[in-house]
Amino acid sequence: MNTVRFLKPAEEEMLQAATYYELQAPGLGTDFLAKIDSAVRDLGERPERWPVVRHHIRRRLVHRFPYALLYRVDAEEVVILATMHLHRHPDYWQDRK
């Protein structure tokens, strides 16, 4: 199993989305984080499974929510670059390393 690490901006996006969902309905933010956790575990087990969307960056959709985890697979770890809302500006994350 690979180590999975969030870049700080990706972690902040995840937490902001969870806060937003929790304000919409009690427990929805927790559900969002559970789906993120499931996706992260999947990336640790099978990072090459998900499609390449740009150069070496892959995208793993988050079940039930309009989000995706954008990530790269390094030799030692999987690095999540963005917790991206699917209906917003798709290229905002490109300068993240």
PDB file of N, CA and C in Angstrom:
ATOM      1  N   MET A   1       0.840  -1.186   0.000  1.00  0.00           N
ATOM      2  CA  MET A   1       0.000   0.000   0.000  1.00  0.00           C
ATOM      3  C   MET A   1       0.880   1.243   0.000  1.00  0.00           C
ATOM      4  N   ASN A   2       0.537   2.179  -0.860  1.00  0.00           N
ATOM      5  CA  ASN A   2       1.277   3.431  -0.972  1.00  0.00           C
ATOM      6  C   ASN A   2       0.832   4.426   0.100  1.00  0.00           C
ATOM      7  N   THR A   3       1.767   5.271   0.507  1.00  0.00           N
ATOM      8  CA  THR A   3       1.428   6.391   1.375  1.00  0.00           C
ATOM      9  C   THR A   3       0.720   7.438   0.529  1.00  0.00           C
ATOM     10  N   VAL A   4      -0.334   8.029   1.072  1.00  0.00           N
ATOM     11  CA  VAL A   4      -1.068   9.087   0.377  1.00  0.00           C
ATOM     12  C   VAL A   4      -0.937  10.363   1.196  1.00  0.00           C
ATOM     13  N   ARG A   5      -0.569  11.445   0.501  1.00  0.00           N
ATOM     14  CA  ARG A   5      -0.360  12.734   1.174  1.00  0.00           C
ATOM     15  C   ARG A   5      -1.117  13.824   0.425  1.00  0.00           C
ATOM     16  N   PHE A   6      -1.818  14.672   1.162  1.00  0.00           N
ATOM     17  CA  PHE A   6      -2.499  15.832   0.598  1.00  0.00           C
ATOM     18  C   PHE A   6      -1.540  17.021   0.599  1.00  0.00           C
ATOM     19  N   LEU A   7      -1.477  17.765  -0.492  1.00  0.00           N
ATOM     20  CA  LEU A   7      -0.857  19.080  -0.425  1.00  0.00           C
ATOM     21  C   LEU A   7      -1.760  19.948   0.445  1.00  0.00           C
ATOM     22  N   LYS A   8      -1.200  20.938   1.085  1.00  0.00           N
ATOM     23  CA  LYS A   8      -1.975  21.796   1.987  1.00  0.00           C
ATOM     24  C   LYS A   8      -3.200  22.411   1.305  1.00  0.00           C
ATOM     25  N   PRO A   9      -3.081  22.956   0.081  1.00  0.00           N
ATOM     26  CA  PRO A   9      -4.279  23.524  -0.561  1.00  0.00           C
ATOM     27  C   PRO A   9      -5.374  22.478  -0.801  1.00  0.00           C
ATOM     28  N   ALA A  10      -4.989  21.261  -1.137  1.00  0.00           N
ATOM     29  CA  ALA A  10      -5.975  20.194  -1.364  1.00  0.00           C
ATOM     30  C   ALA A  10      -6.671  19.825  -0.053  1.00  0.00           C
ATOM     31  N   GLU A  11      -5.911  19.796   1.021  1.00  0.00           N
ATOM     32  CA  GLU A  11      -6.501  19.509   2.328  1.00  0.00           C
ATOM     33  C   GLU A  11      -7.466  20.617   2.742  1.00  0.00           C
ATOM     34  N   GLU A  12      -7.085  21.858   2.499  1.00  0.00           N
ATOM     35  CA  GLU A  12      -7.953  22.989   2.829  1.00  0.00           C
ATOM     36  C   GLU A  12      -9.247  22.947   2.016  1.00  0.00           C
ATOM     37  N   GLU A  13      -9.138  22.596   0.730  1.00  0.00           N
ATOM     38  CA  GLU A  13     -10.340  22.469  -0.118  1.00  0.00           C
ATOM     39  C   GLU A  13     -11.274  21.395   0.420  1.00  0.00           C
ATOM     40  N   MET A  14     -10.698  20.276   0.841  1.00  0.00           N
ATOM     41  CA  MET A  14     -11.488  19.182   1.389  1.00  0.00           C
ATOM     42  C   MET A  14     -12.234  19.634   2.644  1.00  0.00           C
ATOM     43  N   LEU A  15     -11.535  20.308   3.546  1.00  0.00           N
ATOM     44  CA  LEU A  15     -12.147  20.753   4.795  1.00  0.00           C
ATOM     45  C   LEU A  15     -13.205  21.839   4.559  1.00  0.00           C
ATOM     46  N   GLN A  16     -12.954  22.739   3.619  1.00  0.00           N
ATOM     47  CA  GLN A  16     -13.945  23.761   3.285  1.00  0.00           C
ATOM     48  C   GLN A  16     -15.213  23.124   2.719  1.00  0.00           C
ATOM     49  N   ALA A  17     -15.050  22.130   1.857  1.00  0.00           N
ATOM     50  CA  ALA A  17     -16.217  21.447   1.290  1.00  0.00           C
ATOM     51  C   ALA A  17     -16.988  20.720   2.387  1.00  0.00           C
ATOM     52  N   ALA A  18     -16.275  20.064   3.297  1.00  0.00           N
ATOM     53  CA  ALA A  18     -16.944  19.355   4.391  1.00  0.00           C
ATOM     54  C   ALA A  18     -17.724  20.333   5.270  1.00  0.00           C
ATOM     55  N   THR A  19     -17.140  21.482   5.543  1.00  0.00           N
ATOM     56  CA  THR A  19     -17.829  22.506   6.337  1.00  0.00           C
ATOM     57  C   THR A  19     -19.081  22.987   5.616  1.00  0.00           C
ATOM     58  N   TYR A  20     -18.964  23.247   4.325  1.00  0.00           N
ATOM     59  CA  TYR A  20     -20.117  23.678   3.532  1.00  0.00           C
ATOM     60  C   TYR A  20     -21.238  22.643   3.603  1.00  0.00           C
ATOM     61  N   TYR A  21     -20.903  21.376   3.369  1.00  0.00           N
ATOM     62  CA  TYR A  21     -21.925  20.327   3.388  1.00  0.00           C
ATOM     63  C   TYR A  21     -22.545  20.167   4.771  1.00  0.00           C
ATOM     64  N   GLU A  22     -21.754  20.307   5.798  1.00  0.00           N
ATOM     65  CA  GLU A  22     -22.280  20.173   7.160  1.00  0.00           C
ATOM     66  C   GLU A  22     -23.279  21.294   7.466  1.00  0.00           C
ATOM     67  N   LEU A  23     -23.025  22.481   6.922  1.00  0.00           N
ATOM     68  CA  LEU A  23     -23.959  23.593   7.111  1.00  0.00           C
ATOM     69  C   LEU A  23     -25.259  23.383   6.334  1.00  0.00           C
ATOM     70  N   GLN A  24     -25.197  22.620   5.257  1.00  0.00           N
ATOM     71  CA  GLN A  24     -26.396  22.356   4.462  1.00  0.00           C
ATOM     72  C   GLN A  24     -27.324  21.357   5.155  1.00  0.00           C
ATOM     73  N   ALA A  25     -26.727  20.349   5.776  1.00  0.00           N
ATOM     74  CA  ALA A  25     -27.505  19.323   6.486  1.00  0.00           C
ATOM     75  C   ALA A  25     -26.592  18.630   7.488  1.00  0.00           C
ATOM     76  N   PRO A  26     -27.014  18.534   8.750  1.00  0.00           N
ATOM     77  CA  PRO A  26     -26.189  17.856   9.753  1.00  0.00           C
ATOM     78  C   PRO A  26     -25.838  16.432   9.312  1.00  0.00           C
ATOM     79  N   GLY A  27     -24.557  16.121   9.395  1.00  0.00           N
ATOM     80  CA  GLY A  27     -24.079  14.802   9.023  1.00  0.00           C
ATOM     81  C   GLY A  27     -23.594  14.704   7.586  1.00  0.00           C
ATOM     82  N   LEU A  28     -23.978  15.651   6.729  1.00  0.00           N
ATOM     83  CA  LEU A  28     -23.569  15.585   5.324  1.00  0.00           C
ATOM     84  C   LEU A  28     -22.069  15.837   5.164  1.00  0.00           C
ATOM     85  N   GLY A  29     -21.514  16.719   5.983  1.00  0.00           N
ATOM     86  CA  GLY A  29     -20.071  16.949   5.946  1.00  0.00           C
ATOM     87  C   GLY A  29     -19.300  15.711   6.365  1.00  0.00           C
ATOM     88  N   THR A  30     -19.811  15.006   7.354  1.00  0.00           N
ATOM     89  CA  THR A  30     -19.197  13.753   7.793  1.00  0.00           C
ATOM     90  C   THR A  30     -19.273  12.706   6.688  1.00  0.00           C
ATOM     91  N   ASP A  31     -20.408  12.650   5.998  1.00  0.00           N
ATOM     92  CA  ASP A  31     -20.555  11.727   4.863  1.00  0.00           C
ATOM     93  C   ASP A  31     -19.542  12.056   3.766  1.00  0.00           C
ATOM     94  N   PHE A  32     -19.371  13.341   3.490  1.00  0.00           N
ATOM     95  CA  PHE A  32     -18.397  13.768   2.486  1.00  0.00           C
ATOM     96  C   PHE A  32     -16.995  13.290   2.867  1.00  0.00           C
ATOM     97  N   LEU A  33     -16.602  13.518   4.115  1.00  0.00           N
ATOM     98  CA  LEU A  33     -15.273  13.090   4.564  1.00  0.00           C
ATOM     99  C   LEU A  33     -15.109  11.579   4.513  1.00  0.00           C
ATOM    100  N   ALA A  34     -16.174  10.838   4.782  1.00  0.00           N
ATOM    101  CA  ALA A  34     -16.118   9.374   4.683  1.00  0.00           C
ATOM    102  C   ALA A  34     -15.877   8.938   3.238  1.00  0.00           C
ATOM    103  N   LYS A  35     -16.514   9.616   2.286  1.00  0.00           N
ATOM    104  CA  LYS A  35     -16.305   9.289   0.867  1.00  0.00           C
ATOM    105  C   LYS A  35     -14.897   9.661   0.427  1.00  0.00           C
ATOM    106  N   ILE A  36     -14.385  10.779   0.938  1.00  0.00           N
ATOM    107  CA  ILE A  36     -12.996  11.159   0.647  1.00  0.00           C
ATOM    108  C   ILE A  36     -12.049  10.100   1.209  1.00  0.00           C
ATOM    109  N   ASP A  37     -12.290   9.674   2.442  1.00  0.00           N
ATOM    110  CA  ASP A  37     -11.448   8.660   3.075  1.00  0.00           C
ATOM    111  C   ASP A  37     -11.445   7.362   2.259  1.00  0.00           C
ATOM    112  N   SER A  38     -12.606   6.971   1.783  1.00  0.00           N
ATOM    113  CA  SER A  38     -12.705   5.765   0.953  1.00  0.00           C
ATOM    114  C   SER A  38     -11.890   5.926  -0.335  1.00  0.00           C
ATOM    115  N   ALA A  39     -11.994   7.097  -0.957  1.00  0.00           N
ATOM    116  CA  ALA A  39     -11.238   7.357  -2.184  1.00  0.00           C
ATOM    117  C   ALA A  39      -9.736   7.347  -1.914  1.00  0.00           C
ATOM    118  N   VAL A  40      -9.321   7.916  -0.798  1.00  0.00           N
ATOM    119  CA  VAL A  40      -7.897   7.957  -0.440  1.00  0.00           C
ATOM    120  C   VAL A  40      -7.370   6.540  -0.209  1.00  0.00           C
ATOM    121  N   ARG A  41      -8.132   5.709   0.490  1.00  0.00           N
ATOM    122  CA  ARG A  41      -7.705   4.316   0.699  1.00  0.00           C
ATOM    123  C   ARG A  41      -7.558   3.594  -0.640  1.00  0.00           C
ATOM    124  N   ASP A  42      -8.500   3.848  -1.542  1.00  0.00           N
ATOM    125  CA  ASP A  42      -8.440   3.248  -2.876  1.00  0.00           C
ATOM    126  C   ASP A  42      -7.180   3.695  -3.616  1.00  0.00           C
ATOM    127  N   LEU A  43      -6.842   4.976  -3.511  1.00  0.00           N
ATOM    128  CA  LEU A  43      -5.630   5.470  -4.173  1.00  0.00           C
ATOM    129  C   LEU A  43      -4.384   4.817  -3.594  1.00  0.00           C
ATOM    130  N   GLY A  44      -4.376   4.584  -2.304  1.00  0.00           N
ATOM    131  CA  GLY A  44      -3.229   3.925  -1.683  1.00  0.00           C
ATOM    132  C   GLY A  44      -3.052   2.496  -2.162  1.00  0.00           C
ATOM    133  N   GLU A  45      -4.158   1.840  -2.472  1.00  0.00           N
ATOM    134  CA  GLU A  45      -4.107   0.447  -2.911  1.00  0.00           C
ATOM    135  C   GLU A  45      -3.896   0.298  -4.413  1.00  0.00           C
ATOM    136  N   ARG A  46      -4.551   1.168  -5.203  1.00  0.00           N
ATOM    137  CA  ARG A  46      -4.493   1.035  -6.654  1.00  0.00           C
ATOM    138  C   ARG A  46      -4.394   2.400  -7.345  1.00  0.00           C
ATOM    139  N   PRO A  47      -3.285   3.089  -7.179  1.00  0.00           N
ATOM    140  CA  PRO A  47      -3.193   4.450  -7.728  1.00  0.00           C
ATOM    141  C   PRO A  47      -3.207   4.511  -9.253  1.00  0.00           C
ATOM    142  N   GLU A  48      -2.779   3.477  -9.927  1.00  0.00           N
ATOM    143  CA  GLU A  48      -2.711   3.486 -11.390  1.00  0.00           C
ATOM    144  C   GLU A  48      -4.062   3.195 -12.036  1.00  0.00           C
ATOM    145  N   ARG A  49      -5.057   2.878 -11.246  1.00  0.00           N
ATOM    146  CA  ARG A  49      -6.374   2.484 -11.761  1.00  0.00           C
ATOM    147  C   ARG A  49      -7.118   3.625 -12.454  1.00  0.00           C
ATOM    148  N   TRP A  50      -6.933   4.833 -11.977  1.00  0.00           N
ATOM    149  CA  TRP A  50      -7.728   5.968 -12.436  1.00  0.00           C
ATOM    150  C   TRP A  50      -7.064   6.674 -13.603  1.00  0.00           C
ATOM    151  N   PRO A  51      -7.860   7.318 -14.456  1.00  0.00           N
ATOM    152  CA  PRO A  51      -7.328   7.856 -15.707  1.00  0.00           C
ATOM    153  C   PRO A  51      -6.429   9.078 -15.545  1.00  0.00           C
ATOM    154  N   VAL A  52      -5.490   9.181 -16.469  1.00  0.00           N
ATOM    155  CA  VAL A  52      -4.640  10.361 -16.566  1.00  0.00           C
ATOM    156  C   VAL A  52      -5.467  11.445 -17.259  1.00  0.00           C
ATOM    157  N   VAL A  53      -5.497  12.629 -16.667  1.00  0.00           N
ATOM    158  CA  VAL A  53      -6.263  13.734 -17.252  1.00  0.00           C
ATOM    159  C   VAL A  53      -5.360  14.807 -17.856  1.00  0.00           C
ATOM    160  N   ARG A  54      -4.126  14.874 -17.409  1.00  0.00           N
ATOM    161  CA  ARG A  54      -3.182  15.841 -17.958  1.00  0.00           C
ATOM    162  C   ARG A  54      -1.775  15.411 -17.562  1.00  0.00           C
ATOM    163  N   HIS A  55      -0.956  15.183 -18.559  1.00  0.00           N
ATOM    164  CA  HIS A  55       0.421  14.749 -18.353  1.00  0.00           C
ATOM    165  C   HIS A  55       0.452  13.550 -17.397  1.00  0.00           C
ATOM    166  N   HIS A  56       0.980  13.701 -16.221  1.00  0.00           N
ATOM    167  CA  HIS A  56       1.086  12.599 -15.256  1.00  0.00           C
ATOM    168  C   HIS A  56       0.070  12.723 -14.115  1.00  0.00           C
ATOM    169  N   ILE A  57      -0.912  13.591 -14.273  1.00  0.00           N
ATOM    170  CA  ILE A  57      -1.920  13.822 -13.230  1.00  0.00           C
ATOM    171  C   ILE A  57      -3.141  12.949 -13.496  1.00  0.00           C
ATOM    172  N   ARG A  58      -3.586  12.259 -12.457  1.00  0.00           N
ATOM    173  CA  ARG A  58      -4.751  11.374 -12.551  1.00  0.00           C
ATOM    174  C   ARG A  58      -5.919  11.954 -11.771  1.00  0.00           C
ATOM    175  N   ARG A  59      -7.115  11.439 -12.081  1.00  0.00           N
ATOM    176  CA  ARG A  59      -8.330  11.927 -11.417  1.00  0.00           C
ATOM    177  C   ARG A  59      -9.131  10.752 -10.877  1.00  0.00           C
ATOM    178  N   ARG A  60      -9.456  10.831  -9.597  1.00  0.00           N
ATOM    179  CA  ARG A  60     -10.289   9.831  -8.929  1.00  0.00           C
ATOM    180  C   ARG A  60     -11.573  10.544  -8.497  1.00  0.00           C
ATOM    181  N   LEU A  61     -12.716  10.152  -9.084  1.00  0.00           N
ATOM    182  CA  LEU A  61     -13.992  10.750  -8.715  1.00  0.00           C
ATOM    183  C   LEU A  61     -14.387  10.313  -7.305  1.00  0.00           C
ATOM    184  N   VAL A  62     -15.118  11.195  -6.621  1.00  0.00           N
ATOM    185  CA  VAL A  62     -15.612  10.914  -5.272  1.00  0.00           C
ATOM    186  C   VAL A  62     -17.082  10.529  -5.389  1.00  0.00           C
ATOM    187  N   HIS A  63     -17.410   9.339  -4.949  1.00  0.00           N
ATOM    188  CA  HIS A  63     -18.780   8.830  -5.038  1.00  0.00           C
ATOM    189  C   HIS A  63     -19.752   9.734  -4.286  1.00  0.00           C
ATOM    190  N   ARG A  64     -20.898  10.015  -4.919  1.00  0.00           N
ATOM    191  CA  ARG A  64     -22.025  10.746  -4.350  1.00  0.00           C
ATOM    192  C   ARG A  64     -21.878  12.267  -4.349  1.00  0.00           C
ATOM    193  N   PHE A  65     -20.671  12.782  -4.453  1.00  0.00           N
ATOM    194  CA  PHE A  65     -20.441  14.220  -4.400  1.00  0.00           C
ATOM    195  C   PHE A  65     -19.761  14.668  -5.694  1.00  0.00           C
ATOM    196  N   PRO A  66     -20.006  15.922  -6.119  1.00  0.00           N
ATOM    197  CA  PRO A  66     -19.411  16.400  -7.372  1.00  0.00           C
ATOM    198  C   PRO A  66     -17.959  16.860  -7.196  1.00  0.00           C
ATOM    199  N   TYR A  67     -17.137  15.962  -6.701  1.00  0.00           N
ATOM    200  CA  TYR A  67     -15.731  16.245  -6.449  1.00  0.00           C
ATOM    201  C   TYR A  67     -14.849  15.155  -7.027  1.00  0.00           C
ATOM    202  N   ALA A  68     -13.591  15.531  -7.267  1.00  0.00           N
ATOM    203  CA  ALA A  68     -12.581  14.574  -7.695  1.00  0.00           C
ATOM    204  C   ALA A  68     -11.284  14.886  -6.954  1.00  0.00           C
ATOM    205  N   LEU A  69     -10.496  13.862  -6.749  1.00  0.00           N
ATOM    206  CA  LEU A  69      -9.152  14.038  -6.212  1.00  0.00           C
ATOM    207  C   LEU A  69      -8.195  13.992  -7.396  1.00  0.00           C
ATOM    208  N   LEU A  70      -7.435  15.053  -7.585  1.00  0.00           N
ATOM    209  CA  LEU A  70      -6.408  15.100  -8.623  1.00  0.00           C
ATOM    210  C   LEU A  70      -5.089  14.768  -7.953  1.00  0.00           C
ATOM    211  N   TYR A  71      -4.350  13.830  -8.529  1.00  0.00           N
ATOM    212  CA  TYR A  71      -3.157  13.348  -7.848  1.00  0.00           C
ATOM    213  C   TYR A  71      -2.092  12.888  -8.830  1.00  0.00           C
ATOM    214  N   ARG A  72      -0.886  12.760  -8.305  1.00  0.00           N
ATOM    215  CA  ARG A  72       0.216  12.186  -9.075  1.00  0.00           C
ATOM    216  C   ARG A  72       0.789  11.018  -8.276  1.00  0.00           C
ATOM    217  N   VAL A  73       1.354  10.088  -8.980  1.00  0.00           N
ATOM    218  CA  VAL A  73       1.959   8.924  -8.342  1.00  0.00           C
ATOM    219  C   VAL A  73       3.474   9.099  -8.418  1.00  0.00           C
ATOM    220  N   ASP A  74       4.097   9.296  -7.270  1.00  0.00           N
ATOM    221  CA  ASP A  74       5.548   9.392  -7.183  1.00  0.00           C
ATOM    222  C   ASP A  74       6.102   8.027  -6.795  1.00  0.00           C
ATOM    223  N   ALA A  75       7.397   7.898  -6.790  1.00  0.00           N
ATOM    224  CA  ALA A  75       8.031   6.622  -6.452  1.00  0.00           C
ATOM    225  C   ALA A  75       7.690   6.169  -5.035  1.00  0.00           C
ATOM    226  N   GLU A  76       7.609   7.109  -4.114  1.00  0.00           N
ATOM    227  CA  GLU A  76       7.412   6.776  -2.707  1.00  0.00           C
ATOM    228  C   GLU A  76       5.994   6.991  -2.196  1.00  0.00           C
ATOM    229  N   GLU A  77       5.191   7.793  -2.912  1.00  0.00           N
ATOM    230  CA  GLU A  77       3.885   8.158  -2.381  1.00  0.00           C
ATOM    231  C   GLU A  77       2.939   8.627  -3.475  1.00  0.00           C
ATOM    232  N   VAL A  78       1.678   8.731  -3.097  1.00  0.00           N
ATOM    233  CA  VAL A  78       0.654   9.339  -3.935  1.00  0.00           C
ATOM    234  C   VAL A  78       0.415  10.730  -3.360  1.00  0.00           C
ATOM    235  N   VAL A  79       0.482  11.754  -4.204  1.00  0.00           N
ATOM    236  CA  VAL A  79       0.339  13.132  -3.746  1.00  0.00           C
ATOM    237  C   VAL A  79      -0.952  13.709  -4.320  1.00  0.00           C
ATOM    238  N   ILE A  80      -1.882  14.081  -3.444  1.00  0.00           N
ATOM    239  CA  ILE A  80      -3.144  14.684  -3.872  1.00  0.00           C
ATOM    240  C   ILE A  80      -2.919  16.189  -4.017  1.00  0.00           C
ATOM    241  N   LEU A  81      -3.107  16.663  -5.243  1.00  0.00           N
ATOM    242  CA  LEU A  81      -2.861  18.063  -5.571  1.00  0.00           C
ATOM    243  C   LEU A  81      -4.081  18.937  -5.333  1.00  0.00           C
ATOM    244  N   ALA A  82      -5.278  18.376  -5.533  1.00  0.00           N
ATOM    245  CA  ALA A  82      -6.492  19.174  -5.421  1.00  0.00           C
ATOM    246  C   ALA A  82      -7.673  18.295  -5.046  1.00  0.00           C
ATOM    247  N   THR A  83      -8.565  18.858  -4.259  1.00  0.00           N
ATOM    248  CA  THR A  83      -9.891  18.303  -4.008  1.00  0.00           C
ATOM    249  C   THR A  83     -10.811  19.215  -4.811  1.00  0.00           C
ATOM    250  N   MET A  84     -11.053  18.831  -6.050  1.00  0.00           N
ATOM    251  CA  MET A  84     -11.643  19.726  -7.036  1.00  0.00           C
ATOM    252  C   MET A  84     -13.146  19.526  -7.194  1.00  0.00           C
ATOM    253  N   HIS A  85     -13.883  20.620  -7.102  1.00  0.00           N
ATOM    254  CA  HIS A  85     -15.311  20.596  -7.417  1.00  0.00           C
ATOM    255  C   HIS A  85     -15.431  20.468  -8.927  1.00  0.00           C
ATOM    256  N   LEU A  86     -16.252  19.564  -9.396  1.00  0.00           N
ATOM    257  CA  LEU A  86     -16.326  19.257 -10.821  1.00  0.00           C
ATOM    258  C   LEU A  86     -17.030  20.318 -11.658  1.00  0.00           C
ATOM    259  N   HIS A  87     -17.731  21.244 -11.028  1.00  0.00           N
ATOM    260  CA  HIS A  87     -18.475  22.252 -11.780  1.00  0.00           C
ATOM    261  C   HIS A  87     -17.884  23.651 -11.653  1.00  0.00           C
ATOM    262  N   ARG A  88     -16.641  23.719 -11.254  1.00  0.00           N
ATOM    263  CA  ARG A  88     -15.964  25.011 -11.123  1.00  0.00           C
ATOM    264  C   ARG A  88     -14.761  25.030 -12.047  1.00  0.00           C
ATOM    265  N   HIS A  89     -14.019  26.074 -12.022  1.00  0.00           N
ATOM    266  CA  HIS A  89     -12.878  26.268 -12.920  1.00  0.00           C
ATOM    267  C   HIS A  89     -11.945  25.056 -12.895  1.00  0.00           C
ATOM    268  N   PRO A  90     -11.868  24.317 -13.999  1.00  0.00           N
ATOM    269  CA  PRO A  90     -11.139  23.051 -13.985  1.00  0.00           C
ATOM    270  C   PRO A  90      -9.614  23.158 -13.959  1.00  0.00           C
ATOM    271  N   ASP A  91      -9.056  24.295 -14.286  1.00  0.00           N
ATOM    272  CA  ASP A  91      -7.599  24.388 -14.404  1.00  0.00           C
ATOM    273  C   ASP A  91      -6.913  25.160 -13.278  1.00  0.00           C
ATOM    274  N   TYR A  92      -7.634  25.525 -12.250  1.00  0.00           N
ATOM    275  CA  TYR A  92      -7.081  26.381 -11.198  1.00  0.00           C
ATOM    276  C   TYR A  92      -5.905  25.755 -10.454  1.00  0.00           C
ATOM    277  N   TRP A  93      -5.807  24.467 -10.419  1.00  0.00           N
ATOM    278  CA  TRP A  93      -4.839  23.736  -9.613  1.00  0.00           C
ATOM    279  C   TRP A  93      -3.501  23.506 -10.322  1.00  0.00           C
ATOM    280  N   GLN A  94      -3.397  23.851 -11.595  1.00  0.00           N
ATOM    281  CA  GLN A  94      -2.265  23.423 -12.420  1.00  0.00           C
ATOM    282  C   GLN A  94      -0.885  23.882 -11.958  1.00  0.00           C
ATOM    283  N   ASP A  95      -0.805  24.932 -11.185  1.00  0.00           N
ATOM    284  CA  ASP A  95       0.519  25.394 -10.744  1.00  0.00           C
ATOM    285  C   ASP A  95       0.992  24.703  -9.457  1.00  0.00           C
ATOM    286  N   ARG A  96       0.198  23.792  -8.948  1.00  0.00           N
ATOM    287  CA  ARG A  96       0.586  23.069  -7.725  1.00  0.00           C
ATOM    288  C   ARG A  96       1.586  21.969  -8.045  1.00  0.00           C
ATOM    289  N   LYS A  97       2.542  21.825  -7.191  1.00  0.00           N
ATOM    290  CA  LYS A  97       3.574  20.806  -7.386  1.00  0.00           C
ATOM    291  C   LYS A  97       3.491  19.853  -6.252  1.00  0.00           C
TER     292      LYS A  97
END
